[in-house]
Amino acid sequence: MTIIDLLEQNQLQYGSETALVEINPEFEPESRMTWRDYALVQPEPGQPFRREITWTDFNRKANQFANLLLTRGCQRGDKVAILMMNSIEWLPIYFGVLKAGAIVVPLNYRYTSEEIKYCLEKADCSMLIFGPEFIGRMEEICDRLPKIRHMFYVGEDCPVFADSYDRMISYCSTHAPKLTINEDDDAAIYFSSGTTGFPKAILHAHRSLIHSARTEQNHHKQTHDDVFLCIPPLYHTGAKMHWFGSLMVGGKAVLLKGTKPAWILKAASDEKCSIVWLLVPWAQDILDAIERGDVKLEDYDLSAWRLMHIGAQPVPPSLIRRWLSVFPNHQYDTNYGLSESIGPGCVHLGMENVAKVGAIGKAGFGWEVRIVSENAQPVKRGEVGELCVKGPGVMKCYYRDEEATKEVLRGDWLFTGDMAMEDEDGFIFLVDRKKDVIITGGENLYPVQIEDYIRRCDAVKDVAVIGLPDARLGEIAAAIVEIKPDRTFTEEKLADFCSGLPRYKRPRKIIFDTVPRNPTGKIEKPKLREKYCGESLVAQQIEQ
C-alpha cells in the first residue's frame, strides 16, 4: 500500500466530505460571522480568504495534474519540484506527481534564486511548478536551467516563461493514470533544513511515506471526526507527515496561512479543530498574547481542541508547564524526527507521559533507537551519546552524495548527529546537536541545557547559546537573548538569574539580540556564529 491508495480510498468512502480548508486571514471580511459561516454566503470580489475542497475534488485534481505531467513527457522516476506557499492546491499537486510515477521535490519557500537553482540541479529536476510569490526569483534563473523542460505556474497572470496550471489541467482527464506504484519505488526528495550549510537532497521511497502515516495515526489516535490545524510549511516533512495521520482516516485538515495568536485561536474555534501542531515560538506567542490580554479565551470556542503537540526542535519544559496551566484539558505530545527519518515520530513522548515533559520520549511505532559512543558502542543509561534510529522511514540515501550518505547510514542505522541520554525509565532526553557542543577548558557544555534554564526567566522570549573562540579556554558559551517586547532587562539581572546554574555552565557573554529561526522553528545558529564569531562583542564579560 502507498499513500496514493489512501487518497483513493478516502475518495470512495468520504468523497463528498471536506478534505482540505484553506484560510487566509489577511483577507478576512469585516464581519462578526465565523469563517465557516461566511463561506456559505456569496463572497465579495477579490482574494478569497476561505476555500475548501472535498476528497473527490482532491483526488480528481491530483489525477488531472498527473495526466498533465504525462502528456508533457514525464517518465517514471523523473523529478518534479514544487515551489509554492501553503495553499489548497499544494497537496493535490504533490499527489499528482506521485500518481505520475515521478519523484516529488518540495522546495523551501525562503530559498533565494541561486539556492533554488542549486536544489533543482542537485535533484536533477526536469519540471517545476511554482506560485506567484516566486515569479521574480524564477525570472532571475529561468534561462539558466537547461535541465528544466517544463515550468507550470499556479495563479493569475502567468509569466511568459511558464505554462498556466489552472488552464492546462482543465483539459486533462480526472481518471487516475494506469500505473503500478509500490512501496519500493522512489517517491520524494526532501532537502535538509540547511542550518549546517548547503542543504542535502534526501531520497525516500514510498515505504517511508506510508510508514509515516501509520506512525502518526498510531501515536495520536486520529479518527475520522478529528480536524487537524496545519500551520507549518508543507514543503517540510514535519507538517505533511503529521497531516498523513488525517489522511489515514479521511479526516479534515485546515491550512492556516498565518501565525498570529488570534488567527490560530479563531481558526481552531471556527473550524472546530481538535489537533493543533505548533512550533515553540507560536506557542510562546499565544501564551504571551493571553497574558497581555491581547486575546481573550472567552472569545473562542475551543471545546473541540483535544491535543497540542510540538516538534522540530527541543521543547522547553517550562513552556509546556505554562501551556497546561492555561489549557488544563489538553493532551500534549512532542515528536522527534529528521527529514532523513521522514519527519516526525521516530521518537515520541506519548500523550500519556506528560509527567516526563522535557524528554523526547521513546522509540516510535515501528522504530528502534540506540545511544552510542564515538566508537558506535551503546552507552550506559545516564551517559551522553549519539542518538541512532532504525525503521522503515529511514532515507535511502543523500541523492548524488555517496560520501555524506556513508557518514550517517551504517547498515540499517541512521546516525542523527543529535546527542542524547536515556534515564532510568527508558525515556530519551535530547542534549544537543553533536556539532553544537561547546568545549570550554576541556569541559563539554550542551547549549540546550543552558537555553532551557534561561527560558525559565519570565522576561525572556527566546535564547540561543553558541560557542565563541577564546584564546585561553578554546571556546566560551555566549547567550544571545531575545527579551519580550513589553519588558526591559539588563545584563546584570540576567547574569544574576544564571547564578542558579553550575559555575562552569554559566554563559560568559550575554548579547541582547533577535534569535533567528527557520520556517520549521529551528534556531539558525550558523547565522549567529557568522554574525558574532570574530567580531568585537558589545557584551558584558561575566566573571565565573
Protein backbone atom coordinates (compact mmCIF):
# COMPACT_ATOMS: atom_id res chain seq x y z
CA MET A 1 0.00 0.00 0.00
CA THR A 2 1.11 3.60 -0.68
CA ILE A 3 -0.32 6.96 0.36
CA ILE A 4 -1.79 7.18 -3.16
CA ASP A 5 -4.02 4.26 -2.19
CA LEU A 6 -5.10 6.13 0.95
CA LEU A 7 -6.23 9.12 -1.10
CA GLU A 8 -8.24 6.94 -3.46
CA GLN A 9 -9.84 5.08 -0.54
CA ASN A 10 -10.90 8.39 1.00
CA GLN A 11 -12.43 9.45 -2.29
CA LEU A 12 -14.50 6.26 -2.33
CA GLN A 13 -15.54 6.38 1.33
CA TYR A 14 -15.83 10.12 2.01
CA GLY A 15 -15.99 11.66 -1.46
CA SER A 16 -18.50 14.44 -0.69
CA GLU A 17 -16.93 15.37 2.65
CA THR A 18 -14.46 18.21 3.13
CA ALA A 19 -10.83 17.15 2.85
CA LEU A 20 -8.98 20.48 2.96
CA VAL A 21 -9.78 24.03 4.01
CA GLU A 22 -7.51 26.99 3.26
CA ILE A 23 -7.80 30.13 5.36
CA ASN A 24 -6.01 33.38 4.55
CA PRO A 25 -6.85 35.67 7.49
CA GLU A 26 -5.31 38.74 5.86
CA PHE A 27 -8.35 38.86 3.58
CA GLU A 28 -10.97 38.30 6.28
CA PRO A 29 -14.09 40.38 5.58
CA GLU A 30 -15.27 42.90 8.14
CA SER A 31 -17.93 40.71 9.66
CA ARG A 32 -18.61 39.11 13.01
CA MET A 33 -19.72 35.81 11.50
CA THR A 34 -17.44 32.80 11.72
CA TRP A 35 -15.15 31.94 8.84
CA ARG A 36 -17.18 28.75 8.22
CA ASP A 37 -20.49 30.66 8.02
CA TYR A 38 -19.03 33.32 5.74
CA ALA A 39 -18.05 30.65 3.22
CA LEU A 40 -21.72 29.82 2.79
CA VAL A 41 -22.63 33.29 1.52
CA GLN A 42 -21.65 34.86 -1.79
CA PRO A 43 -18.01 36.02 -1.42
CA GLU A 44 -17.07 39.52 -2.44
CA PRO A 45 -14.75 40.01 -5.44
CA GLY A 46 -11.05 39.76 -4.68
CA GLN A 47 -8.75 37.36 -2.88
CA PRO A 48 -10.75 34.57 -1.18
CA PHE A 49 -9.94 34.16 2.48
CA ARG A 50 -11.55 30.71 2.87
CA ARG A 51 -11.63 27.89 0.32
CA GLU A 52 -12.35 24.20 0.67
CA ILE A 53 -12.33 21.03 -1.41
CA THR A 54 -13.83 17.58 -0.93
CA TRP A 55 -11.98 14.28 -1.11
CA THR A 56 -13.44 13.79 -4.59
CA ASP A 57 -12.14 17.21 -5.69
CA PHE A 58 -8.75 16.42 -4.13
CA ASN A 59 -8.38 13.10 -5.94
CA ARG A 60 -9.58 14.49 -9.28
CA LYS A 61 -7.16 17.43 -9.12
CA ALA A 62 -4.31 15.02 -8.36
CA ASN A 63 -5.32 12.83 -11.32
CA GLN A 64 -5.51 15.84 -13.64
CA PHE A 65 -2.03 17.03 -12.72
CA ALA A 66 -0.63 13.52 -13.07
CA ASN A 67 -2.10 13.30 -16.57
CA LEU A 68 -0.78 16.77 -17.43
CA LEU A 69 2.73 15.68 -16.45
CA LEU A 70 2.44 12.52 -18.54
CA THR A 71 1.30 14.49 -21.60
CA ARG A 72 4.43 16.59 -21.23
CA GLY A 73 6.69 13.56 -21.38
CA CYS A 74 7.14 12.92 -17.66
CA GLN A 75 8.68 9.46 -17.17
CA ARG A 76 8.75 7.18 -14.16
CA GLY A 77 11.47 8.43 -11.83
CA ASP A 78 11.59 11.98 -13.24
CA LYS A 79 11.90 14.69 -10.59
CA VAL A 80 9.22 17.37 -10.33
CA ALA A 81 9.83 20.30 -7.96
CA ILE A 82 7.15 22.22 -6.06
CA LEU A 83 7.92 25.84 -5.13
CA MET A 84 4.73 27.16 -3.55
CA MET A 85 3.41 28.70 -0.39
CA ASN A 86 0.83 26.67 1.54
CA SER A 87 -2.41 26.59 -0.40
CA ILE A 88 -5.31 24.32 -1.22
CA GLU A 89 -3.55 23.37 -4.48
CA TRP A 90 -0.34 22.19 -2.77
CA LEU A 91 -1.31 18.69 -1.67
CA PRO A 92 -3.25 17.70 -4.83
CA ILE A 93 -0.18 18.76 -6.85
CA TYR A 94 2.08 16.68 -4.56
CA PHE A 95 -0.13 13.63 -5.07
CA GLY A 96 -0.35 14.31 -8.79
CA VAL A 97 3.42 13.99 -9.07
CA LEU A 98 3.33 10.66 -7.20
CA LYS A 99 0.45 9.36 -9.32
CA ALA A 100 2.51 10.06 -12.45
CA GLY A 101 5.21 7.73 -11.10
CA ALA A 102 7.55 10.69 -10.67
CA ILE A 103 9.59 11.81 -7.66
CA VAL A 104 8.27 14.91 -5.89
CA VAL A 105 10.80 17.55 -4.78
CA PRO A 106 9.33 20.17 -2.38
CA LEU A 107 11.43 23.34 -2.10
CA ASN A 108 11.80 25.76 0.79
CA TYR A 109 9.92 28.98 0.04
CA ARG A 110 12.71 31.02 1.66
CA TYR A 111 15.30 29.94 -0.90
CA THR A 112 16.96 32.68 -2.91
CA SER A 113 17.01 32.32 -6.68
CA GLU A 114 20.52 30.84 -6.56
CA GLU A 115 19.50 28.36 -3.85
CA ILE A 116 16.52 27.33 -5.97
CA LYS A 117 18.85 26.77 -8.91
CA TYR A 118 21.25 24.75 -6.74
CA CYS A 119 18.47 22.46 -5.47
CA LEU A 120 16.90 21.96 -8.89
CA GLU A 121 20.27 20.94 -10.27
CA LYS A 122 21.21 18.81 -7.24
CA ALA A 123 17.99 16.80 -7.54
CA ASP A 124 18.13 16.53 -11.36
CA CYS A 125 14.68 18.10 -11.68
CA SER A 126 13.15 18.17 -15.14
CA MET A 127 9.91 20.00 -14.27
CA LEU A 128 8.87 22.70 -11.81
CA ILE A 129 5.57 24.10 -10.59
CA PHE A 130 5.62 27.43 -8.75
CA GLY A 131 3.34 30.14 -7.36
CA PRO A 132 3.08 33.94 -7.78
CA GLU A 133 5.37 34.71 -4.84
CA PHE A 134 8.30 33.30 -6.82
CA ILE A 135 7.95 34.99 -10.21
CA GLY A 136 10.80 37.42 -9.52
CA ARG A 137 13.16 34.72 -8.29
CA MET A 138 12.36 32.47 -11.25
CA GLU A 139 12.85 35.31 -13.73
CA GLU A 140 16.44 35.62 -12.48
CA ILE A 141 17.31 31.99 -13.27
CA CYS A 142 14.77 30.65 -15.79
CA ASP A 143 17.24 30.93 -18.69
CA ARG A 144 19.97 29.12 -16.69
CA LEU A 145 18.09 25.88 -16.04
CA PRO A 146 18.85 23.70 -19.08
CA LYS A 147 17.51 20.51 -17.44
CA ILE A 148 14.08 22.01 -16.72
CA ARG A 149 11.88 21.02 -19.66
CA HIS A 150 8.59 22.46 -18.39
CA MET A 151 7.51 25.07 -15.84
CA PHE A 152 3.94 25.32 -14.60
CA TYR A 153 2.53 28.35 -12.81
CA VAL A 154 -0.30 28.36 -10.24
CA GLY A 155 -2.16 31.67 -10.14
CA GLU A 156 -3.31 34.57 -12.25
CA ASP A 157 -1.18 36.48 -14.79
CA CYS A 158 1.03 33.59 -15.85
CA PRO A 159 4.57 34.74 -16.78
CA VAL A 160 5.65 34.16 -20.38
CA PHE A 161 8.31 31.59 -19.45
CA ALA A 162 5.76 29.20 -17.84
CA ASP A 163 2.51 27.38 -18.65
CA SER A 164 -0.68 28.04 -16.71
CA TYR A 165 -1.50 25.16 -14.36
CA ASP A 166 -5.15 26.21 -13.97
CA ARG A 167 -5.77 26.44 -17.70
CA MET A 168 -3.93 23.29 -18.68
CA ILE A 169 -5.34 20.86 -16.10
CA SER A 170 -8.87 21.79 -17.19
CA TYR A 171 -8.20 19.77 -20.37
CA CYS A 172 -6.83 16.72 -18.55
CA SER A 173 -8.63 13.54 -17.56
CA THR A 174 -9.85 13.21 -13.98
CA HIS A 175 -9.16 9.45 -14.05
CA ALA A 176 -6.02 8.05 -12.44
CA PRO A 177 -3.18 7.05 -14.77
CA LYS A 178 -2.83 3.28 -15.18
CA LEU A 179 0.49 2.92 -13.41
CA THR A 180 1.57 0.40 -10.82
CA ILE A 181 3.39 2.00 -7.91
CA ASN A 182 4.67 0.06 -4.90
CA GLU A 183 6.42 0.76 -1.60
CA ASP A 184 9.90 0.13 -3.03
CA ASP A 185 9.60 2.84 -5.71
CA ASP A 186 11.36 6.16 -5.17
CA ALA A 187 8.86 8.80 -4.06
CA ALA A 188 10.35 12.06 -2.81
CA ILE A 189 13.46 14.14 -2.37
CA TYR A 190 13.39 16.45 0.63
CA PHE A 191 16.11 18.96 1.31
CA SER A 192 17.65 19.24 4.76
CA SER A 193 16.90 22.47 6.60
CA GLY A 194 20.28 23.92 5.69
CA THR A 195 21.13 25.08 9.22
CA THR A 196 24.58 23.50 8.82
CA GLY A 197 25.45 24.67 5.29
CA PHE A 198 24.17 23.75 1.83
CA PRO A 199 21.05 21.58 2.06
CA LYS A 200 21.41 17.89 1.26
CA ALA A 201 18.97 16.06 -1.04
CA ILE A 202 17.29 13.28 0.95
CA LEU A 203 15.80 10.45 -1.13
CA HIS A 204 12.85 8.46 0.24
CA ALA A 205 10.86 5.55 -1.12
CA HIS A 206 7.07 5.22 -0.91
CA ARG A 207 7.64 2.91 2.06
CA SER A 208 8.82 5.90 4.11
CA LEU A 209 5.69 7.92 3.34
CA ILE A 210 3.19 5.21 4.22
CA HIS A 211 5.10 4.31 7.38
CA SER A 212 5.00 7.95 8.44
CA ALA A 213 1.20 7.89 8.08
CA ARG A 214 0.90 4.70 10.12
CA THR A 215 3.23 6.05 12.82
CA GLU A 216 1.41 9.36 13.15
CA GLN A 217 -2.04 7.77 13.39
CA ASN A 218 -0.78 5.24 15.93
CA HIS A 219 0.70 7.97 18.13
CA HIS A 220 -2.17 10.46 18.11
CA LYS A 221 -5.17 8.19 17.57
CA GLN A 222 -6.78 10.27 14.84
CA THR A 223 -10.35 9.37 13.98
CA HIS A 224 -12.44 10.43 11.03
CA ASP A 225 -14.04 13.12 13.21
CA ASP A 226 -10.75 14.80 14.14
CA VAL A 227 -9.89 18.12 12.45
CA PHE A 228 -6.18 18.93 12.07
CA LEU A 229 -4.99 22.55 12.03
CA CYS A 230 -1.87 22.73 9.86
CA ILE A 231 0.21 25.91 10.04
CA PRO A 232 3.86 25.00 9.22
CA PRO A 233 5.09 24.95 5.60
CA LEU A 234 4.05 21.90 3.59
CA TYR A 235 7.43 21.66 1.87
CA HIS A 236 8.81 20.35 5.17
CA THR A 237 8.39 16.72 6.23
CA GLY A 238 7.01 17.67 9.65
CA ALA A 239 3.76 19.38 8.65
CA LYS A 240 2.91 17.00 5.86
CA MET A 241 3.71 13.81 7.76
CA HIS A 242 1.56 14.91 10.70
CA TRP A 243 -1.24 15.53 8.20
CA PHE A 244 -0.73 11.96 6.95
CA GLY A 245 -2.42 10.84 10.18
CA SER A 246 -5.57 12.61 8.98
CA LEU A 247 -5.13 11.07 5.53
CA MET A 248 -5.19 7.62 7.15
CA VAL A 249 -8.73 8.17 8.48
CA GLY A 250 -10.16 10.64 5.95
CA GLY A 251 -10.18 13.48 8.47
CA LYS A 252 -10.47 17.15 7.56
CA ALA A 253 -7.44 19.45 7.68
CA VAL A 254 -7.31 23.24 7.84
CA LEU A 255 -4.38 25.07 6.21
CA LEU A 256 -3.93 28.37 8.04
CA LYS A 257 -1.82 30.96 6.21
CA GLY A 258 -0.57 32.94 9.18
CA THR A 259 0.76 32.53 12.70
CA LYS A 260 -0.73 35.39 14.73
CA PRO A 261 -2.18 34.11 18.04
CA ALA A 262 -5.65 35.50 17.30
CA TRP A 263 -5.66 33.80 13.88
CA ILE A 264 -4.67 30.43 15.34
CA LEU A 265 -7.30 30.60 18.08
CA LYS A 266 -10.01 31.79 15.68
CA ALA A 267 -9.25 29.02 13.19
CA ALA A 268 -9.33 26.41 15.96
CA SER A 269 -12.62 27.87 17.19
CA ASP A 270 -14.46 28.37 13.89
CA GLU A 271 -13.33 25.12 12.26
CA LYS A 272 -13.74 23.01 15.45
CA CYS A 273 -10.12 21.86 15.26
CA SER A 274 -9.22 19.03 17.61
CA ILE A 275 -5.49 18.62 16.87
CA VAL A 276 -3.06 21.51 16.52
CA TRP A 277 0.66 21.16 15.85
CA LEU A 278 2.64 24.21 16.93
CA LEU A 279 6.23 25.33 16.84
CA VAL A 280 7.80 26.65 20.03
CA PRO A 281 7.68 30.36 19.02
CA TRP A 282 3.97 30.17 18.15
CA ALA A 283 3.06 28.50 21.44
CA GLN A 284 5.04 31.17 23.28
CA ASP A 285 3.31 33.93 21.31
CA ILE A 286 -0.14 32.54 22.14
CA LEU A 287 0.63 32.38 25.86
CA ASP A 288 2.18 35.85 25.84
CA ALA A 289 -0.84 37.30 24.00
CA ILE A 290 -3.19 35.74 26.56
CA GLU A 291 -1.04 37.04 29.41
CA ARG A 292 -1.04 40.57 27.99
CA GLY A 293 -4.78 40.47 27.35
CA ASP A 294 -4.34 40.89 23.58
CA VAL A 295 -6.57 37.85 23.10
CA LYS A 296 -9.26 36.61 25.48
CA LEU A 297 -10.01 32.89 25.63
CA GLU A 298 -13.69 33.56 26.34
CA ASP A 299 -13.99 34.96 22.79
CA TYR A 300 -13.35 31.50 21.32
CA ASP A 301 -14.99 28.08 21.45
CA LEU A 302 -12.04 25.75 21.89
CA SER A 303 -14.01 22.84 23.31
CA ALA A 304 -13.12 20.56 20.36
CA TRP A 305 -9.36 21.08 20.81
CA ARG A 306 -8.01 17.89 22.46
CA LEU A 307 -4.31 17.71 21.51
CA MET A 308 -1.50 20.24 21.20
CA HIS A 309 1.78 18.76 20.08
CA ILE A 310 5.17 20.25 19.23
CA GLY A 311 8.13 19.03 17.23
CA ALA A 312 11.01 20.19 15.01
CA GLN A 313 13.16 21.48 17.89
CA PRO A 314 13.92 20.96 21.60
CA VAL A 315 10.91 21.99 23.68
CA PRO A 316 11.47 23.95 26.92
CA PRO A 317 9.70 22.07 29.77
CA SER A 318 8.76 25.43 31.30
CA LEU A 319 6.78 26.27 28.15
CA ILE A 320 4.68 23.09 28.39
CA ARG A 321 4.04 23.52 32.10
CA ARG A 322 2.87 27.03 31.35
CA TRP A 323 0.71 25.83 28.44
CA LEU A 324 -1.01 23.15 30.52
CA SER A 325 -1.74 25.68 33.26
CA VAL A 326 -3.66 27.76 30.70
CA PHE A 327 -5.14 24.77 28.81
CA PRO A 328 -5.50 22.09 31.53
CA ASN A 329 -7.76 19.87 29.40
CA HIS A 330 -5.27 19.50 26.56
CA GLN A 331 -3.37 16.36 25.84
CA TYR A 332 0.25 17.03 24.98
CA ASP A 333 2.89 15.22 22.96
CA THR A 334 6.27 16.05 21.50
CA ASN A 335 7.71 14.38 18.43
CA TYR A 336 11.30 13.95 17.38
CA GLY A 337 12.35 13.24 13.84
CA LEU A 338 14.51 14.30 10.94
CA SER A 339 13.91 14.67 7.24
CA GLU A 340 16.30 11.72 6.95
CA SER A 341 13.82 9.67 9.00
CA ILE A 342 10.77 11.05 7.16
CA GLY A 343 9.86 13.74 9.61
CA PRO A 344 8.13 13.20 12.96
CA GLY A 345 7.67 10.14 15.04
CA CYS A 346 10.81 8.00 15.16
CA VAL A 347 10.88 9.08 18.82
CA HIS A 348 7.87 10.49 20.64
CA LEU A 349 6.89 11.26 24.21
CA GLY A 350 3.38 9.81 24.18
CA MET A 351 0.23 11.63 25.29
CA GLU A 352 0.11 9.55 28.47
CA ASN A 353 3.60 10.62 29.59
CA VAL A 354 3.12 14.30 30.35
CA ALA A 355 4.94 13.75 33.66
CA LYS A 356 8.09 13.27 31.56
CA VAL A 357 7.91 16.67 29.87
CA GLY A 358 11.44 17.56 28.84
CA ALA A 359 12.12 14.15 27.33
CA ILE A 360 11.62 13.46 23.62
CA GLY A 361 10.30 10.06 24.64
CA LYS A 362 10.87 6.50 23.48
CA ALA A 363 11.13 4.74 20.13
CA GLY A 364 8.09 5.49 17.98
CA PHE A 365 5.76 2.99 16.33
CA GLY A 366 7.83 0.64 14.18
CA TRP A 367 11.14 2.24 15.18
CA GLU A 368 14.23 1.20 17.14
CA VAL A 369 16.66 3.56 18.88
CA ARG A 370 20.20 3.37 20.30
CA ILE A 371 22.50 5.84 22.02
CA VAL A 372 26.14 5.16 21.15
CA SER A 373 29.64 6.39 21.91
CA GLU A 374 32.19 7.77 19.44
CA ASN A 375 33.16 4.19 18.52
CA ALA A 376 29.49 3.30 17.89
CA GLN A 377 29.13 1.19 21.06
CA PRO A 378 25.99 1.52 23.21
CA VAL A 379 26.46 3.77 26.25
CA LYS A 380 25.08 3.14 29.72
CA ARG A 381 21.86 4.77 30.86
CA GLY A 382 22.56 8.27 32.07
CA GLU A 383 25.55 8.72 29.77
CA VAL A 384 25.52 11.07 26.78
CA GLY A 385 26.00 9.63 23.30
CA GLU A 386 24.79 9.99 19.72
CA LEU A 387 21.19 9.05 19.01
CA CYS A 388 20.71 6.46 16.24
CA VAL A 389 17.39 5.30 14.78
CA LYS A 390 16.30 2.37 12.64
CA GLY A 391 13.00 1.74 10.89
CA PRO A 392 11.01 1.72 7.64
CA GLY A 393 11.14 5.53 7.41
CA VAL A 394 14.92 5.87 7.12
CA MET A 395 16.02 7.53 3.88
CA LYS A 396 17.56 5.55 1.03
CA CYS A 397 20.49 7.95 0.70
CA TYR A 398 21.61 11.50 0.21
CA TYR A 399 20.96 11.79 -3.50
CA ARG A 400 24.18 12.06 -5.50
CA ASP A 401 26.29 12.27 -2.33
CA GLU A 402 27.78 8.89 -1.51
CA GLU A 403 30.33 10.27 0.95
CA ALA A 404 27.73 12.11 3.06
CA THR A 405 25.49 9.03 2.98
CA LYS A 406 28.26 6.84 4.39
CA GLU A 407 28.77 9.28 7.25
CA VAL A 408 25.23 8.84 8.60
CA LEU A 409 23.96 5.48 7.29
CA ARG A 410 25.74 2.49 8.80
CA GLY A 411 23.90 -0.65 7.87
CA ASP A 412 20.23 -0.03 8.71
CA TRP A 413 21.03 2.58 11.35
CA LEU A 414 20.80 6.33 10.83
CA PHE A 415 23.26 8.32 12.96
CA THR A 416 21.31 11.50 13.68
CA GLY A 417 24.10 13.80 14.90
CA ASP A 418 22.00 14.56 17.99
CA MET A 419 23.47 13.96 21.44
CA ALA A 420 21.08 12.30 23.87
CA MET A 421 20.84 10.36 27.10
CA GLU A 422 18.38 7.78 28.45
CA ASP A 423 17.04 7.97 32.00
CA GLU A 424 16.29 5.14 34.39
CA ASP A 425 12.76 4.77 32.96
CA GLY A 426 13.96 4.44 29.37
CA PHE A 427 12.97 7.96 28.30
CA ILE A 428 15.36 9.77 25.97
CA PHE A 429 16.42 13.36 26.59
CA LEU A 430 17.91 15.38 23.77
CA VAL A 431 21.10 17.06 24.95
CA ASP A 432 22.24 18.92 21.83
CA ARG A 433 23.44 18.71 18.27
CA LYS A 434 26.81 17.00 18.09
CA LYS A 435 28.22 19.95 16.16
CA ASP A 436 26.79 22.45 18.68
CA VAL A 437 28.55 21.03 21.74
CA ILE A 438 30.84 23.69 23.26
CA ILE A 439 34.18 22.51 24.64
CA THR A 440 35.43 25.06 27.15
CA GLY A 441 38.60 24.34 29.07
CA GLY A 442 38.17 20.64 28.29
CA GLU A 443 34.60 20.59 29.66
CA ASN A 444 31.65 19.71 27.40
CA LEU A 445 28.77 22.21 27.53
CA TYR A 446 25.45 21.34 25.94
CA PRO A 447 23.73 24.57 24.83
CA VAL A 448 20.19 23.14 25.05
CA GLN A 449 20.59 22.64 28.80
CA ILE A 450 21.68 26.26 29.27
CA GLU A 451 18.90 27.53 26.96
CA ASP A 452 16.25 25.59 28.88
CA TYR A 453 17.41 27.21 32.12
CA ILE A 454 17.46 30.77 30.75
CA ARG A 455 13.98 30.36 29.24
CA ARG A 456 12.62 29.99 32.77
CA CYS A 457 13.19 33.73 33.19
CA ASP A 458 9.80 35.33 32.57
CA ALA A 459 11.35 38.29 30.74
CA VAL A 460 12.97 36.07 28.10
CA LYS A 461 11.18 35.47 24.81
CA ASP A 462 13.88 33.31 23.19
CA VAL A 463 17.52 32.36 23.65
CA ALA A 464 20.33 30.68 21.73
CA VAL A 465 23.66 29.63 23.20
CA ILE A 466 26.68 29.33 20.91
CA GLY A 467 30.41 28.85 21.37
CA LEU A 468 32.75 31.74 20.68
CA PRO A 469 36.53 31.41 20.23
CA ASP A 470 38.64 32.09 23.31
CA ALA A 471 42.45 32.13 23.42
CA ARG A 472 42.64 30.59 26.89
CA LEU A 473 39.70 28.16 27.06
CA GLY A 474 39.28 27.31 23.39
CA GLU A 475 35.62 28.28 23.44
CA ILE A 476 33.28 30.09 25.77
CA ALA A 477 29.48 29.98 25.96
CA ALA A 478 27.66 33.07 24.74
CA ALA A 479 23.92 33.53 25.24
CA ILE A 480 22.06 35.50 22.57
CA VAL A 481 18.91 36.56 24.41
CA GLU A 482 15.71 38.00 22.97
CA ILE A 483 13.66 39.85 25.59
CA LYS A 484 9.87 40.07 25.43
CA PRO A 485 8.79 43.31 23.72
CA ASP A 486 6.92 44.60 26.77
CA ARG A 487 9.80 44.00 29.19
CA THR A 488 13.11 45.65 30.00
CA PHE A 489 16.06 43.70 31.31
CA THR A 490 19.76 44.19 31.89
CA GLU A 491 22.81 42.01 31.53
CA GLU A 492 23.38 42.24 35.28
CA LYS A 493 19.90 40.92 36.04
CA LEU A 494 20.28 38.04 33.59
CA ALA A 495 23.74 37.23 34.95
CA ASP A 496 22.24 37.12 38.42
CA PHE A 497 19.48 34.80 37.16
CA CYS A 498 22.13 32.49 35.66
CA SER A 499 23.82 32.18 39.05
CA GLY A 500 21.46 29.27 39.62
CA LEU A 501 23.44 27.29 37.05
CA PRO A 502 26.61 25.41 37.95
CA ARG A 503 29.51 27.84 37.58
CA TYR A 504 31.01 26.16 34.52
CA LYS A 505 27.66 26.26 32.67
CA ARG A 506 27.01 29.96 33.11
CA PRO A 507 27.37 31.89 29.84
CA ARG A 508 30.45 34.13 29.88
CA LYS A 509 28.89 36.60 27.44
CA ILE A 510 25.33 37.87 27.18
CA ILE A 511 24.17 39.54 23.98
CA PHE A 512 20.70 41.02 23.58
CA ASP A 513 19.50 40.42 20.04
CA THR A 514 16.79 38.72 17.98
CA VAL A 515 17.08 34.93 17.82
CA PRO A 516 16.68 33.84 14.17
CA ARG A 517 14.65 30.71 13.44
CA ASN A 518 13.93 28.99 10.14
CA PRO A 519 10.35 28.23 8.95
CA THR A 520 10.31 24.95 10.90
CA GLY A 521 11.26 26.66 14.15
CA LYS A 522 14.90 25.62 14.42
CA ILE A 523 17.36 28.20 15.70
CA GLU A 524 19.71 29.25 12.91
CA LYS A 525 22.92 29.07 14.90
CA PRO A 526 25.21 29.29 11.82
CA LYS A 527 23.82 32.79 11.25
CA LEU A 528 24.62 33.73 14.82
CA ARG A 529 28.13 32.30 14.59
CA GLU A 530 28.72 34.17 11.35
CA LYS A 531 27.47 37.38 12.97
CA TYR A 532 29.38 37.17 16.22
CA CYS A 533 32.43 34.95 15.82
CA GLY A 534 35.43 37.16 15.20
CA GLU A 535 33.50 40.36 15.82
CA SER A 536 34.11 42.71 18.72
CA LEU A 537 31.18 41.93 21.00
CA VAL A 538 29.48 44.71 22.85
CA ALA A 539 28.57 42.46 25.75
CA GLN A 540 29.41 42.10 29.38
CA GLN A 541 32.08 39.62 30.46
CA ILE A 542 30.57 37.63 33.28
CA GLU A 543 33.04 36.64 35.95
CA GLN A 544 32.90 32.93 36.67
